[in-house]
Amino acid sequence: MRKDKELIQAYGRMIMERAAEGWACHQLAFMFNQLSGSRSAKVKQMQEEVERTYAKILSHVYRHPKKKPLDDLPLWIGAPDLHVFKNQKSTHVDCNINDGLHFQVIVAFPPWTTRLKSSLSEYISLHQERFVGPTRYLSRLHASDLAETQDYAAEYVLKTIKKLDFGSDDILVLPKSSSEMSRLTNWERRQVKREGALRRLKPAG
């Protein structure tokens, strides 16, 4: 687990460095409607939905996000979790839904996002209908300003990795590298965008 510990420390430094440069830090808790499949399949679906949420927010924040250098885009570091943040007890994760599995994300948000007239936490709170719903994958998206020190929170959100509940492959870092993005053809990128807009859960039964 030494590599995982070093990885967590590296992610903590990424958050700390940005915070020192004036980036605003937030924590997000993604709660989902009931998903199908095994736990690994649910984690995969959660990761995909977190990625789509990131892309959706980028489209509201930047006029041309693809023209921005990756280092200038908001940084999201997240992992699947079975618990809630100590200061997020109000989220009330329902252990009967997906066995309590949800997704926690630490966000470092750059100060030059002028199209966003409020903080990221306020934006998400005011526009829940853009992200959640009974037929969507997300049932709730809780956002709050980072209360703990950035390195502590980055370690906290990835604590399940340290407990061997999940592997380091389940850690999600956004934006993805240019090499990862280049694997998609233009047609595939259009399909991903279209599917993201139409993405809904299938009715039960």
N, C-alpha and C. Protein backbone atom coordinates (compact mmCIF):
# COMPACT_ATOMS: atom_id res chain seq x y z
N MET A 1 0.82 -1.22 0.00
CA MET A 1 0.00 0.00 0.00
C MET A 1 0.85 1.28 0.00
N ARG A 2 2.18 1.09 -0.04
CA ARG A 2 3.05 2.27 -0.03
C ARG A 2 2.78 3.17 -1.23
N LYS A 3 2.57 2.54 -2.39
CA LYS A 3 2.32 3.33 -3.59
C LYS A 3 1.04 4.13 -3.46
N ASP A 4 0.00 3.50 -2.86
CA ASP A 4 -1.26 4.21 -2.68
C ASP A 4 -1.07 5.41 -1.74
N LYS A 5 -0.30 5.22 -0.68
CA LYS A 5 -0.06 6.31 0.27
C LYS A 5 0.69 7.44 -0.42
N GLU A 6 1.69 7.10 -1.22
CA GLU A 6 2.44 8.12 -1.95
C GLU A 6 1.54 8.84 -2.95
N LEU A 7 0.62 8.07 -3.55
CA LEU A 7 -0.30 8.66 -4.52
C LEU A 7 -1.22 9.66 -3.84
N ILE A 8 -1.74 9.29 -2.68
CA ILE A 8 -2.63 10.18 -1.93
C ILE A 8 -1.90 11.46 -1.54
N GLN A 9 -0.65 11.31 -1.09
CA GLN A 9 0.14 12.48 -0.72
C GLN A 9 0.39 13.39 -1.92
N ALA A 10 0.62 12.77 -3.08
CA ALA A 10 0.84 13.56 -4.30
C ALA A 10 -0.41 14.33 -4.68
N TYR A 11 -1.58 13.69 -4.56
CA TYR A 11 -2.83 14.38 -4.85
C TYR A 11 -3.06 15.52 -3.86
N GLY A 12 -2.71 15.28 -2.60
CA GLY A 12 -2.83 16.33 -1.60
C GLY A 12 -1.98 17.54 -1.95
N ARG A 13 -0.78 17.29 -2.45
CA ARG A 13 0.11 18.39 -2.86
C ARG A 13 -0.48 19.16 -4.04
N MET A 14 -1.12 18.43 -4.97
CA MET A 14 -1.74 19.10 -6.12
C MET A 14 -2.80 20.09 -5.65
N ILE A 15 -3.60 19.67 -4.67
CA ILE A 15 -4.64 20.55 -4.13
C ILE A 15 -4.01 21.73 -3.39
N MET A 16 -3.00 21.43 -2.56
CA MET A 16 -2.36 22.46 -1.75
C MET A 16 -1.69 23.52 -2.62
N GLU A 17 -1.02 23.09 -3.68
CA GLU A 17 -0.33 24.04 -4.55
C GLU A 17 -1.32 25.00 -5.20
N ARG A 18 -2.45 24.48 -5.62
CA ARG A 18 -3.46 25.35 -6.24
C ARG A 18 -4.10 26.28 -5.22
N ALA A 19 -4.34 25.75 -4.03
CA ALA A 19 -4.92 26.59 -2.98
C ALA A 19 -3.99 27.76 -2.64
N ALA A 20 -2.70 27.49 -2.65
CA ALA A 20 -1.72 28.53 -2.36
C ALA A 20 -1.70 29.61 -3.44
N GLU A 21 -2.16 29.25 -4.64
CA GLU A 21 -2.21 30.20 -5.75
C GLU A 21 -3.56 30.91 -5.84
N GLY A 22 -4.41 30.70 -4.84
CA GLY A 22 -5.67 31.41 -4.80
C GLY A 22 -6.86 30.65 -5.35
N TRP A 23 -6.68 29.35 -5.65
CA TRP A 23 -7.80 28.55 -6.14
C TRP A 23 -8.75 28.27 -4.97
N ALA A 24 -10.04 28.32 -5.23
CA ALA A 24 -11.05 27.99 -4.22
C ALA A 24 -11.22 26.48 -4.16
N CYS A 25 -11.31 25.94 -2.94
CA CYS A 25 -11.43 24.49 -2.78
C CYS A 25 -12.80 24.12 -2.23
N HIS A 26 -13.35 23.06 -2.77
CA HIS A 26 -14.69 22.59 -2.40
C HIS A 26 -14.67 21.07 -2.25
N GLN A 27 -15.70 20.56 -1.63
CA GLN A 27 -15.88 19.12 -1.57
C GLN A 27 -17.28 18.78 -2.07
N LEU A 28 -17.36 17.76 -2.89
CA LEU A 28 -18.62 17.34 -3.50
C LEU A 28 -18.93 15.92 -3.08
N ALA A 29 -20.19 15.67 -2.77
CA ALA A 29 -20.66 14.32 -2.48
C ALA A 29 -21.74 13.97 -3.50
N PHE A 30 -21.47 12.96 -4.29
CA PHE A 30 -22.40 12.50 -5.33
C PHE A 30 -23.21 11.33 -4.78
N MET A 31 -24.52 11.51 -4.62
CA MET A 31 -25.41 10.43 -4.20
C MET A 31 -26.24 9.99 -5.41
N PHE A 32 -26.38 8.69 -5.56
CA PHE A 32 -26.99 8.15 -6.76
C PHE A 32 -28.32 7.46 -6.48
N ASN A 33 -29.18 7.45 -7.50
CA ASN A 33 -30.33 6.57 -7.47
C ASN A 33 -29.82 5.14 -7.60
N GLN A 34 -30.70 4.17 -7.38
CA GLN A 34 -30.27 2.77 -7.41
C GLN A 34 -29.68 2.40 -8.77
N LEU A 35 -28.46 1.86 -8.74
CA LEU A 35 -27.77 1.44 -9.96
C LEU A 35 -27.77 -0.08 -10.04
N SER A 36 -27.65 -0.60 -11.24
CA SER A 36 -27.65 -2.05 -11.44
C SER A 36 -26.23 -2.58 -11.50
N GLY A 37 -26.09 -3.89 -11.30
CA GLY A 37 -24.80 -4.53 -11.46
C GLY A 37 -24.04 -4.73 -10.16
N SER A 38 -22.83 -5.27 -10.29
CA SER A 38 -21.96 -5.52 -9.15
C SER A 38 -21.41 -4.20 -8.61
N ARG A 39 -20.67 -4.29 -7.50
CA ARG A 39 -20.12 -3.06 -6.94
C ARG A 39 -19.15 -2.41 -7.92
N SER A 40 -18.33 -3.20 -8.59
CA SER A 40 -17.39 -2.64 -9.56
C SER A 40 -18.12 -1.98 -10.72
N ALA A 41 -19.26 -2.59 -11.13
CA ALA A 41 -20.05 -2.00 -12.21
C ALA A 41 -20.67 -0.68 -11.76
N LYS A 42 -21.11 -0.63 -10.50
CA LYS A 42 -21.68 0.62 -9.98
C LYS A 42 -20.62 1.72 -9.89
N VAL A 43 -19.42 1.34 -9.46
CA VAL A 43 -18.33 2.32 -9.40
C VAL A 43 -18.05 2.90 -10.78
N LYS A 44 -18.06 2.03 -11.78
CA LYS A 44 -17.83 2.49 -13.15
C LYS A 44 -18.90 3.48 -13.59
N GLN A 45 -20.16 3.18 -13.29
CA GLN A 45 -21.25 4.08 -13.65
C GLN A 45 -21.12 5.42 -12.92
N MET A 46 -20.70 5.35 -11.66
CA MET A 46 -20.52 6.57 -10.89
C MET A 46 -19.41 7.43 -11.46
N GLN A 47 -18.30 6.79 -11.83
CA GLN A 47 -17.20 7.53 -12.42
C GLN A 47 -17.63 8.24 -13.71
N GLU A 48 -18.39 7.52 -14.52
CA GLU A 48 -18.85 8.10 -15.79
C GLU A 48 -19.76 9.30 -15.53
N GLU A 49 -20.61 9.20 -14.51
CA GLU A 49 -21.52 10.31 -14.22
C GLU A 49 -20.76 11.51 -13.65
N VAL A 50 -19.75 11.24 -12.83
CA VAL A 50 -18.93 12.34 -12.30
C VAL A 50 -18.22 13.05 -13.46
N GLU A 51 -17.71 12.28 -14.42
CA GLU A 51 -17.06 12.87 -15.60
C GLU A 51 -18.03 13.75 -16.38
N ARG A 52 -19.25 13.29 -16.54
CA ARG A 52 -20.25 14.06 -17.28
C ARG A 52 -20.63 15.33 -16.53
N THR A 53 -20.70 15.23 -15.21
CA THR A 53 -20.99 16.41 -14.40
C THR A 53 -19.87 17.44 -14.53
N TYR A 54 -18.65 16.96 -14.54
CA TYR A 54 -17.49 17.85 -14.73
C TYR A 54 -17.59 18.56 -16.07
N ALA A 55 -17.87 17.79 -17.13
CA ALA A 55 -17.98 18.38 -18.47
C ALA A 55 -19.13 19.38 -18.54
N LYS A 56 -20.22 19.07 -17.86
CA LYS A 56 -21.38 19.97 -17.87
C LYS A 56 -21.05 21.30 -17.19
N ILE A 57 -20.34 21.22 -16.07
CA ILE A 57 -19.95 22.45 -15.37
C ILE A 57 -18.95 23.25 -16.19
N LEU A 58 -18.02 22.56 -16.85
CA LEU A 58 -17.05 23.26 -17.70
C LEU A 58 -17.75 24.07 -18.78
N SER A 59 -18.81 23.49 -19.35
CA SER A 59 -19.52 24.18 -20.44
C SER A 59 -20.20 25.45 -19.95
N HIS A 60 -20.52 25.51 -18.65
CA HIS A 60 -21.13 26.72 -18.09
C HIS A 60 -20.08 27.73 -17.65
N VAL A 61 -18.90 27.23 -17.33
CA VAL A 61 -17.84 28.09 -16.80
C VAL A 61 -17.03 28.75 -17.90
N TYR A 62 -16.76 27.98 -18.97
CA TYR A 62 -15.91 28.48 -20.06
C TYR A 62 -16.67 28.49 -21.37
N ARG A 63 -16.39 29.49 -22.17
CA ARG A 63 -17.01 29.56 -23.50
C ARG A 63 -16.40 28.51 -24.43
N HIS A 64 -15.09 28.31 -24.32
CA HIS A 64 -14.40 27.32 -25.15
C HIS A 64 -13.44 26.52 -24.27
N PRO A 65 -13.97 25.60 -23.46
CA PRO A 65 -13.11 24.88 -22.51
C PRO A 65 -11.99 24.08 -23.16
N LYS A 66 -12.20 23.59 -24.38
CA LYS A 66 -11.17 22.79 -25.03
C LYS A 66 -9.95 23.61 -25.41
N LYS A 67 -10.11 24.91 -25.46
CA LYS A 67 -8.98 25.78 -25.82
C LYS A 67 -8.13 26.14 -24.61
N LYS A 68 -8.60 25.76 -23.42
CA LYS A 68 -7.87 26.08 -22.20
C LYS A 68 -6.78 25.03 -21.95
N PRO A 69 -5.59 25.45 -21.48
CA PRO A 69 -4.58 24.48 -21.06
C PRO A 69 -5.12 23.62 -19.92
N LEU A 70 -4.76 22.34 -19.88
CA LEU A 70 -5.27 21.45 -18.85
C LEU A 70 -4.97 21.96 -17.45
N ASP A 71 -3.80 22.56 -17.26
CA ASP A 71 -3.41 23.04 -15.94
C ASP A 71 -4.24 24.23 -15.47
N ASP A 72 -4.97 24.86 -16.40
CA ASP A 72 -5.81 26.00 -16.04
C ASP A 72 -7.25 25.60 -15.75
N LEU A 73 -7.59 24.35 -15.97
CA LEU A 73 -8.95 23.87 -15.75
C LEU A 73 -9.14 23.45 -14.29
N PRO A 74 -10.38 23.44 -13.79
CA PRO A 74 -10.63 22.98 -12.43
C PRO A 74 -10.09 21.57 -12.23
N LEU A 75 -9.53 21.33 -11.05
CA LEU A 75 -8.99 20.01 -10.71
C LEU A 75 -9.97 19.28 -9.81
N TRP A 76 -10.36 18.08 -10.22
CA TRP A 76 -11.23 17.23 -9.42
C TRP A 76 -10.46 15.95 -9.09
N ILE A 77 -10.43 15.58 -7.82
CA ILE A 77 -9.83 14.32 -7.39
C ILE A 77 -10.86 13.61 -6.53
N GLY A 78 -11.29 12.43 -6.95
CA GLY A 78 -12.35 11.75 -6.23
C GLY A 78 -12.19 10.26 -6.17
N ALA A 79 -13.02 9.64 -5.34
CA ALA A 79 -12.99 8.19 -5.18
C ALA A 79 -14.33 7.72 -4.65
N PRO A 80 -14.68 6.46 -4.91
CA PRO A 80 -15.89 5.89 -4.32
C PRO A 80 -15.75 5.81 -2.81
N ASP A 81 -16.86 5.89 -2.11
CA ASP A 81 -16.82 5.91 -0.65
C ASP A 81 -18.06 5.21 -0.10
N LEU A 82 -17.94 4.79 1.15
CA LEU A 82 -19.06 4.15 1.83
C LEU A 82 -19.51 4.95 3.05
N HIS A 83 -18.95 6.14 3.21
CA HIS A 83 -19.27 6.99 4.35
C HIS A 83 -19.42 8.42 3.87
N VAL A 84 -19.68 9.34 4.81
CA VAL A 84 -19.80 10.75 4.46
C VAL A 84 -18.71 11.54 5.13
N PHE A 85 -18.44 12.74 4.62
CA PHE A 85 -17.52 13.65 5.29
C PHE A 85 -18.06 13.95 6.69
N LYS A 86 -17.15 14.16 7.63
CA LYS A 86 -17.57 14.45 9.00
C LYS A 86 -18.44 15.70 9.08
N ASN A 87 -18.20 16.65 8.20
CA ASN A 87 -19.00 17.88 8.22
C ASN A 87 -20.09 17.86 7.16
N GLN A 88 -20.43 16.63 6.69
CA GLN A 88 -21.49 16.51 5.69
C GLN A 88 -22.57 15.53 6.17
N LYS A 89 -22.80 15.50 7.47
CA LYS A 89 -23.79 14.57 8.00
C LYS A 89 -25.18 14.86 7.46
N SER A 90 -25.39 16.07 7.00
CA SER A 90 -26.71 16.44 6.48
C SER A 90 -27.02 15.77 5.16
N THR A 91 -26.00 15.15 4.53
CA THR A 91 -26.27 14.52 3.25
C THR A 91 -27.07 13.23 3.44
N HIS A 92 -26.96 12.59 4.62
CA HIS A 92 -27.76 11.41 4.93
C HIS A 92 -27.70 10.36 3.81
N VAL A 93 -26.55 9.78 3.61
CA VAL A 93 -26.42 8.72 2.62
C VAL A 93 -27.28 7.54 3.04
N ASP A 94 -28.18 7.10 2.17
CA ASP A 94 -29.07 5.98 2.46
C ASP A 94 -28.33 4.68 2.18
N CYS A 95 -28.06 3.92 3.25
CA CYS A 95 -27.30 2.67 3.10
C CYS A 95 -28.09 1.61 2.35
N ASN A 96 -29.39 1.81 2.19
CA ASN A 96 -30.20 0.85 1.43
C ASN A 96 -30.08 1.06 -0.07
N ILE A 97 -29.56 2.19 -0.49
CA ILE A 97 -29.38 2.49 -1.92
C ILE A 97 -27.92 2.26 -2.28
N ASN A 98 -27.69 1.34 -3.20
CA ASN A 98 -26.34 0.99 -3.64
C ASN A 98 -25.45 0.59 -2.47
N ASP A 99 -26.07 0.03 -1.41
CA ASP A 99 -25.34 -0.40 -0.21
C ASP A 99 -24.53 0.73 0.41
N GLY A 100 -25.01 1.95 0.27
CA GLY A 100 -24.33 3.10 0.85
C GLY A 100 -23.19 3.64 0.00
N LEU A 101 -22.96 3.04 -1.15
CA LEU A 101 -21.86 3.47 -2.02
C LEU A 101 -22.20 4.80 -2.69
N HIS A 102 -21.27 5.72 -2.65
CA HIS A 102 -21.43 7.00 -3.34
C HIS A 102 -20.05 7.48 -3.77
N PHE A 103 -19.92 8.73 -4.15
CA PHE A 103 -18.64 9.22 -4.68
C PHE A 103 -18.30 10.57 -4.06
N GLN A 104 -17.08 10.70 -3.57
CA GLN A 104 -16.62 11.94 -2.95
C GLN A 104 -15.55 12.57 -3.84
N VAL A 105 -15.60 13.87 -3.97
CA VAL A 105 -14.65 14.59 -4.83
C VAL A 105 -14.15 15.85 -4.13
N ILE A 106 -12.83 16.05 -4.21
CA ILE A 106 -12.23 17.32 -3.79
C ILE A 106 -12.01 18.16 -5.04
N VAL A 107 -12.38 19.42 -4.99
CA VAL A 107 -12.29 20.31 -6.15
C VAL A 107 -11.38 21.49 -5.83
N ALA A 108 -10.49 21.80 -6.75
CA ALA A 108 -9.74 23.06 -6.72
C ALA A 108 -10.19 23.86 -7.93
N PHE A 109 -10.75 25.05 -7.66
CA PHE A 109 -11.40 25.83 -8.71
C PHE A 109 -10.62 27.11 -8.96
N PRO A 110 -10.18 27.37 -10.20
CA PRO A 110 -9.35 28.54 -10.48
C PRO A 110 -10.10 29.85 -10.30
N PRO A 111 -9.39 30.92 -9.95
CA PRO A 111 -10.05 32.21 -9.66
C PRO A 111 -10.44 33.00 -10.89
N TRP A 112 -10.04 32.55 -12.08
CA TRP A 112 -10.31 33.35 -13.29
C TRP A 112 -11.53 32.87 -14.06
N THR A 113 -12.40 32.10 -13.42
CA THR A 113 -13.62 31.62 -14.08
C THR A 113 -14.70 32.70 -13.98
N THR A 114 -14.59 33.71 -14.81
CA THR A 114 -15.45 34.89 -14.68
C THR A 114 -16.90 34.64 -15.07
N ARG A 115 -17.18 33.60 -15.83
CA ARG A 115 -18.57 33.35 -16.25
C ARG A 115 -19.41 32.81 -15.09
N LEU A 116 -18.76 32.30 -14.07
CA LEU A 116 -19.47 31.81 -12.90
C LEU A 116 -19.57 32.96 -11.90
N LYS A 117 -20.78 33.46 -11.68
CA LYS A 117 -20.98 34.65 -10.88
C LYS A 117 -21.01 34.37 -9.39
N SER A 118 -20.97 33.10 -9.00
CA SER A 118 -20.97 32.72 -7.59
C SER A 118 -19.91 31.66 -7.38
N SER A 119 -19.78 31.18 -6.15
CA SER A 119 -18.84 30.08 -5.91
C SER A 119 -19.41 28.80 -6.52
N LEU A 120 -18.55 27.82 -6.71
CA LEU A 120 -19.02 26.54 -7.26
C LEU A 120 -20.07 25.92 -6.37
N SER A 121 -19.87 25.98 -5.06
CA SER A 121 -20.84 25.40 -4.13
C SER A 121 -22.20 26.06 -4.27
N GLU A 122 -22.22 27.38 -4.38
CA GLU A 122 -23.48 28.11 -4.54
C GLU A 122 -24.12 27.78 -5.88
N TYR A 123 -23.31 27.69 -6.91
CA TYR A 123 -23.82 27.38 -8.25
C TYR A 123 -24.53 26.02 -8.26
N ILE A 124 -23.89 25.02 -7.68
CA ILE A 124 -24.47 23.68 -7.65
C ILE A 124 -25.74 23.66 -6.80
N SER A 125 -25.72 24.35 -5.68
CA SER A 125 -26.89 24.39 -4.81
C SER A 125 -28.08 25.06 -5.49
N LEU A 126 -27.81 26.10 -6.28
CA LEU A 126 -28.88 26.85 -6.94
C LEU A 126 -29.40 26.16 -8.20
N HIS A 127 -28.63 25.23 -8.76
CA HIS A 127 -29.00 24.61 -10.03
C HIS A 127 -29.02 23.09 -9.94
N GLN A 128 -29.61 22.59 -8.87
CA GLN A 128 -29.68 21.14 -8.68
C GLN A 128 -30.40 20.44 -9.84
N GLU A 129 -31.39 21.13 -10.41
CA GLU A 129 -32.19 20.50 -11.47
C GLU A 129 -31.36 20.17 -12.71
N ARG A 130 -30.21 20.78 -12.84
CA ARG A 130 -29.34 20.49 -13.98
C ARG A 130 -28.57 19.18 -13.81
N PHE A 131 -28.56 18.67 -12.58
CA PHE A 131 -27.71 17.52 -12.30
C PHE A 131 -28.46 16.30 -11.76
N VAL A 132 -29.54 16.52 -11.02
CA VAL A 132 -30.18 15.41 -10.32
C VAL A 132 -31.65 15.26 -10.72
N GLY A 133 -32.24 14.12 -10.37
CA GLY A 133 -33.64 13.87 -10.67
C GLY A 133 -33.96 12.40 -10.52
N PRO A 134 -35.23 12.05 -10.40
CA PRO A 134 -35.62 10.65 -10.20
C PRO A 134 -35.27 9.73 -11.36
N THR A 135 -35.15 10.26 -12.57
CA THR A 135 -34.79 9.43 -13.72
C THR A 135 -33.33 9.61 -14.13
N ARG A 136 -32.62 10.45 -13.42
CA ARG A 136 -31.19 10.63 -13.70
C ARG A 136 -30.37 9.67 -12.83
N TYR A 137 -29.10 9.60 -13.11
CA TYR A 137 -28.23 8.76 -12.29
C TYR A 137 -28.04 9.36 -10.89
N LEU A 138 -27.95 10.68 -10.82
CA LEU A 138 -27.74 11.34 -9.53
C LEU A 138 -29.06 11.64 -8.84
N SER A 139 -29.12 11.30 -7.55
CA SER A 139 -30.29 11.67 -6.76
C SER A 139 -30.04 12.97 -6.02
N ARG A 140 -28.77 13.20 -5.61
CA ARG A 140 -28.39 14.44 -4.94
C ARG A 140 -26.93 14.74 -5.24
N LEU A 141 -26.62 16.02 -5.26
CA LEU A 141 -25.24 16.47 -5.40
C LEU A 141 -25.01 17.54 -4.35
N HIS A 142 -24.26 17.18 -3.33
CA HIS A 142 -24.01 18.10 -2.22
C HIS A 142 -22.66 18.77 -2.40
N ALA A 143 -22.65 20.09 -2.31
CA ALA A 143 -21.41 20.86 -2.48
C ALA A 143 -21.21 21.79 -1.30
N SER A 144 -19.99 21.89 -0.84
CA SER A 144 -19.69 22.82 0.24
C SER A 144 -18.25 23.31 0.11
N ASP A 145 -17.99 24.48 0.69
CA ASP A 145 -16.63 25.00 0.70
C ASP A 145 -15.78 24.11 1.60
N LEU A 146 -14.53 23.98 1.26
CA LEU A 146 -13.64 23.10 2.00
C LEU A 146 -13.37 23.67 3.38
N ALA A 147 -13.73 22.91 4.40
CA ALA A 147 -13.58 23.38 5.77
C ALA A 147 -12.25 22.97 6.38
N GLU A 148 -11.79 21.76 6.02
CA GLU A 148 -10.53 21.26 6.55
C GLU A 148 -9.36 21.80 5.73
N THR A 149 -8.14 21.58 6.21
CA THR A 149 -6.98 21.92 5.40
C THR A 149 -6.98 21.05 4.16
N GLN A 150 -6.47 21.58 3.07
CA GLN A 150 -6.60 20.92 1.79
C GLN A 150 -5.95 19.54 1.75
N ASP A 151 -4.77 19.40 2.36
CA ASP A 151 -4.10 18.10 2.31
C ASP A 151 -4.85 17.06 3.12
N TYR A 152 -5.42 17.49 4.27
CA TYR A 152 -6.21 16.56 5.08
C TYR A 152 -7.45 16.10 4.33
N ALA A 153 -8.14 17.03 3.69
CA ALA A 153 -9.37 16.69 2.98
C ALA A 153 -9.09 15.79 1.79
N ALA A 154 -7.99 16.04 1.09
CA ALA A 154 -7.64 15.19 -0.05
C ALA A 154 -7.38 13.77 0.42
N GLU A 155 -6.76 13.62 1.58
CA GLU A 155 -6.53 12.28 2.12
C GLU A 155 -7.83 11.66 2.60
N TYR A 156 -8.72 12.48 3.18
CA TYR A 156 -9.98 11.97 3.70
C TYR A 156 -10.86 11.43 2.58
N VAL A 157 -10.93 12.16 1.47
CA VAL A 157 -11.80 11.74 0.38
C VAL A 157 -11.30 10.47 -0.28
N LEU A 158 -10.03 10.15 -0.11
CA LEU A 158 -9.47 8.94 -0.70
C LEU A 158 -9.21 7.86 0.36
N LYS A 159 -9.80 7.99 1.53
CA LYS A 159 -9.50 7.08 2.63
C LYS A 159 -9.85 5.64 2.32
N THR A 160 -10.86 5.41 1.49
CA THR A 160 -11.25 4.04 1.18
C THR A 160 -10.17 3.32 0.39
N ILE A 161 -9.35 4.06 -0.34
CA ILE A 161 -8.24 3.45 -1.04
C ILE A 161 -7.27 2.85 -0.03
N LYS A 162 -7.02 3.56 1.04
CA LYS A 162 -6.07 3.12 2.06
C LYS A 162 -6.60 1.89 2.80
N LYS A 163 -7.92 1.75 2.86
CA LYS A 163 -8.51 0.64 3.59
C LYS A 163 -8.65 -0.62 2.75
N LEU A 164 -8.16 -0.58 1.52
CA LEU A 164 -8.23 -1.72 0.61
C LEU A 164 -9.65 -2.02 0.15
N ASP A 165 -10.61 -1.14 0.48
CA ASP A 165 -11.98 -1.34 0.00
C ASP A 165 -12.02 -1.18 -1.52
N PHE A 166 -11.18 -0.28 -2.02
CA PHE A 166 -11.13 -0.01 -3.45
C PHE A 166 -9.67 0.08 -3.85
N GLY A 167 -9.41 -0.03 -5.15
CA GLY A 167 -8.04 0.07 -5.63
C GLY A 167 -7.74 1.45 -6.16
N SER A 168 -6.46 1.71 -6.36
CA SER A 168 -6.05 3.03 -6.86
C SER A 168 -6.61 3.30 -8.25
N ASP A 169 -6.97 2.24 -8.98
CA ASP A 169 -7.57 2.43 -10.30
C ASP A 169 -8.93 3.11 -10.22
N ASP A 170 -9.55 3.07 -9.03
CA ASP A 170 -10.87 3.68 -8.86
C ASP A 170 -10.79 5.17 -8.56
N ILE A 171 -9.57 5.69 -8.34
CA ILE A 171 -9.42 7.13 -8.14
C ILE A 171 -9.66 7.83 -9.47
N LEU A 172 -10.45 8.86 -9.44
CA LEU A 172 -10.76 9.62 -10.65
C LEU A 172 -10.13 11.00 -10.56
N VAL A 173 -9.34 11.36 -11.55
CA VAL A 173 -8.70 12.67 -11.61
C VAL A 173 -9.14 13.35 -12.89
N LEU A 174 -9.68 14.56 -12.76
CA LEU A 174 -10.13 15.35 -13.90
C LEU A 174 -9.52 16.74 -13.84
N PRO A 175 -9.13 17.33 -14.98
CA PRO A 175 -9.36 16.81 -16.33
C PRO A 175 -8.41 15.66 -16.66
N LYS A 176 -8.81 14.84 -17.61
CA LYS A 176 -7.95 13.76 -18.04
C LYS A 176 -6.81 14.31 -18.89
N SER A 177 -5.75 13.54 -18.97
CA SER A 177 -4.59 13.98 -19.74
C SER A 177 -4.91 14.05 -21.22
N SER A 178 -4.11 14.79 -21.95
CA SER A 178 -4.31 14.92 -23.40
C SER A 178 -4.23 13.57 -24.09
N SER A 179 -3.35 12.69 -23.60
CA SER A 179 -3.20 11.37 -24.22
C SER A 179 -4.45 10.54 -24.04
N GLU A 180 -5.10 10.66 -22.87
CA GLU A 180 -6.35 9.93 -22.64
C GLU A 180 -7.45 10.46 -23.53
N MET A 181 -7.54 11.79 -23.65
CA MET A 181 -8.58 12.39 -24.47
C MET A 181 -8.39 12.08 -25.95
N SER A 182 -7.13 11.94 -26.37
CA SER A 182 -6.85 11.73 -27.79
C SER A 182 -7.24 10.34 -28.26
N ARG A 183 -7.57 9.46 -27.32
CA ARG A 183 -7.98 8.11 -27.72
C ARG A 183 -9.34 8.11 -28.41
N LEU A 184 -10.12 9.15 -28.20
CA LEU A 184 -11.45 9.22 -28.79
C LEU A 184 -11.39 9.90 -30.15
N THR A 185 -12.13 9.35 -31.10
CA THR A 185 -12.26 10.01 -32.39
C THR A 185 -13.25 11.15 -32.26
N ASN A 186 -13.32 12.02 -33.26
CA ASN A 186 -14.28 13.13 -33.22
C ASN A 186 -15.71 12.61 -33.12
N TRP A 187 -16.01 11.52 -33.86
CA TRP A 187 -17.34 10.94 -33.80
C TRP A 187 -17.64 10.43 -32.39
N GLU A 188 -16.65 9.78 -31.75
CA GLU A 188 -16.85 9.27 -30.40
C GLU A 188 -17.08 10.41 -29.41
N ARG A 189 -16.36 11.51 -29.60
CA ARG A 189 -16.56 12.66 -28.70
C ARG A 189 -17.97 13.23 -28.84
N ARG A 190 -18.48 13.29 -30.09
CA ARG A 190 -19.84 13.79 -30.30
C ARG A 190 -20.86 12.85 -29.66
N GLN A 191 -20.60 11.54 -29.75
CA GLN A 191 -21.50 10.57 -29.15
C GLN A 191 -21.52 10.70 -27.63
N VAL A 192 -20.33 10.88 -27.04
CA VAL A 192 -20.24 11.05 -25.59
C VAL A 192 -21.03 12.28 -25.15
N LYS A 193 -20.88 13.38 -25.89
CA LYS A 193 -21.61 14.61 -25.56
C LYS A 193 -23.10 14.39 -25.66
N ARG A 194 -23.55 13.72 -26.74
CA ARG A 194 -24.97 13.48 -26.94
C ARG A 194 -25.52 12.56 -25.86
N GLU A 195 -24.81 11.48 -25.56
CA GLU A 195 -25.27 10.54 -24.54
C GLU A 195 -25.30 11.20 -23.17
N GLY A 196 -24.37 12.11 -22.92
CA GLY A 196 -24.36 12.81 -21.65
C GLY A 196 -25.60 13.66 -21.47
N ALA A 197 -26.05 14.28 -22.54
CA ALA A 197 -27.24 15.13 -22.48
C ALA A 197 -28.50 14.31 -22.29
N LEU A 198 -28.51 13.09 -22.83
CA LEU A 198 -29.70 12.24 -22.78
C LEU A 198 -29.63 11.18 -21.70
N ARG A 199 -28.53 11.13 -20.97
CA ARG A 199 -28.27 10.04 -20.02
C ARG A 199 -29.35 9.97 -18.95
N ARG A 200 -30.05 8.86 -18.91
CA ARG A 200 -31.09 8.63 -17.92
C ARG A 200 -31.08 7.17 -17.49
N LEU A 201 -31.56 6.93 -16.30
CA LEU A 201 -31.72 5.56 -15.83
C LEU A 201 -32.92 4.92 -16.49
N LYS A 202 -32.84 3.62 -16.73
CA LYS A 202 -33.99 2.91 -17.26
C LYS A 202 -35.00 2.68 -16.14
N PRO A 203 -36.29 2.81 -16.44
CA PRO A 203 -37.31 2.60 -15.41
C PRO A 203 -37.20 1.20 -14.83
N ALA A 204 -37.40 1.07 -13.51
CA ALA A 204 -37.36 -0.25 -12.87
C ALA A 204 -38.53 -1.09 -13.32
N GLY A 205 -38.27 -2.42 -13.36
CA GLY A 205 -39.34 -3.33 -13.76
C GLY A 205 -39.52 -3.36 -15.16
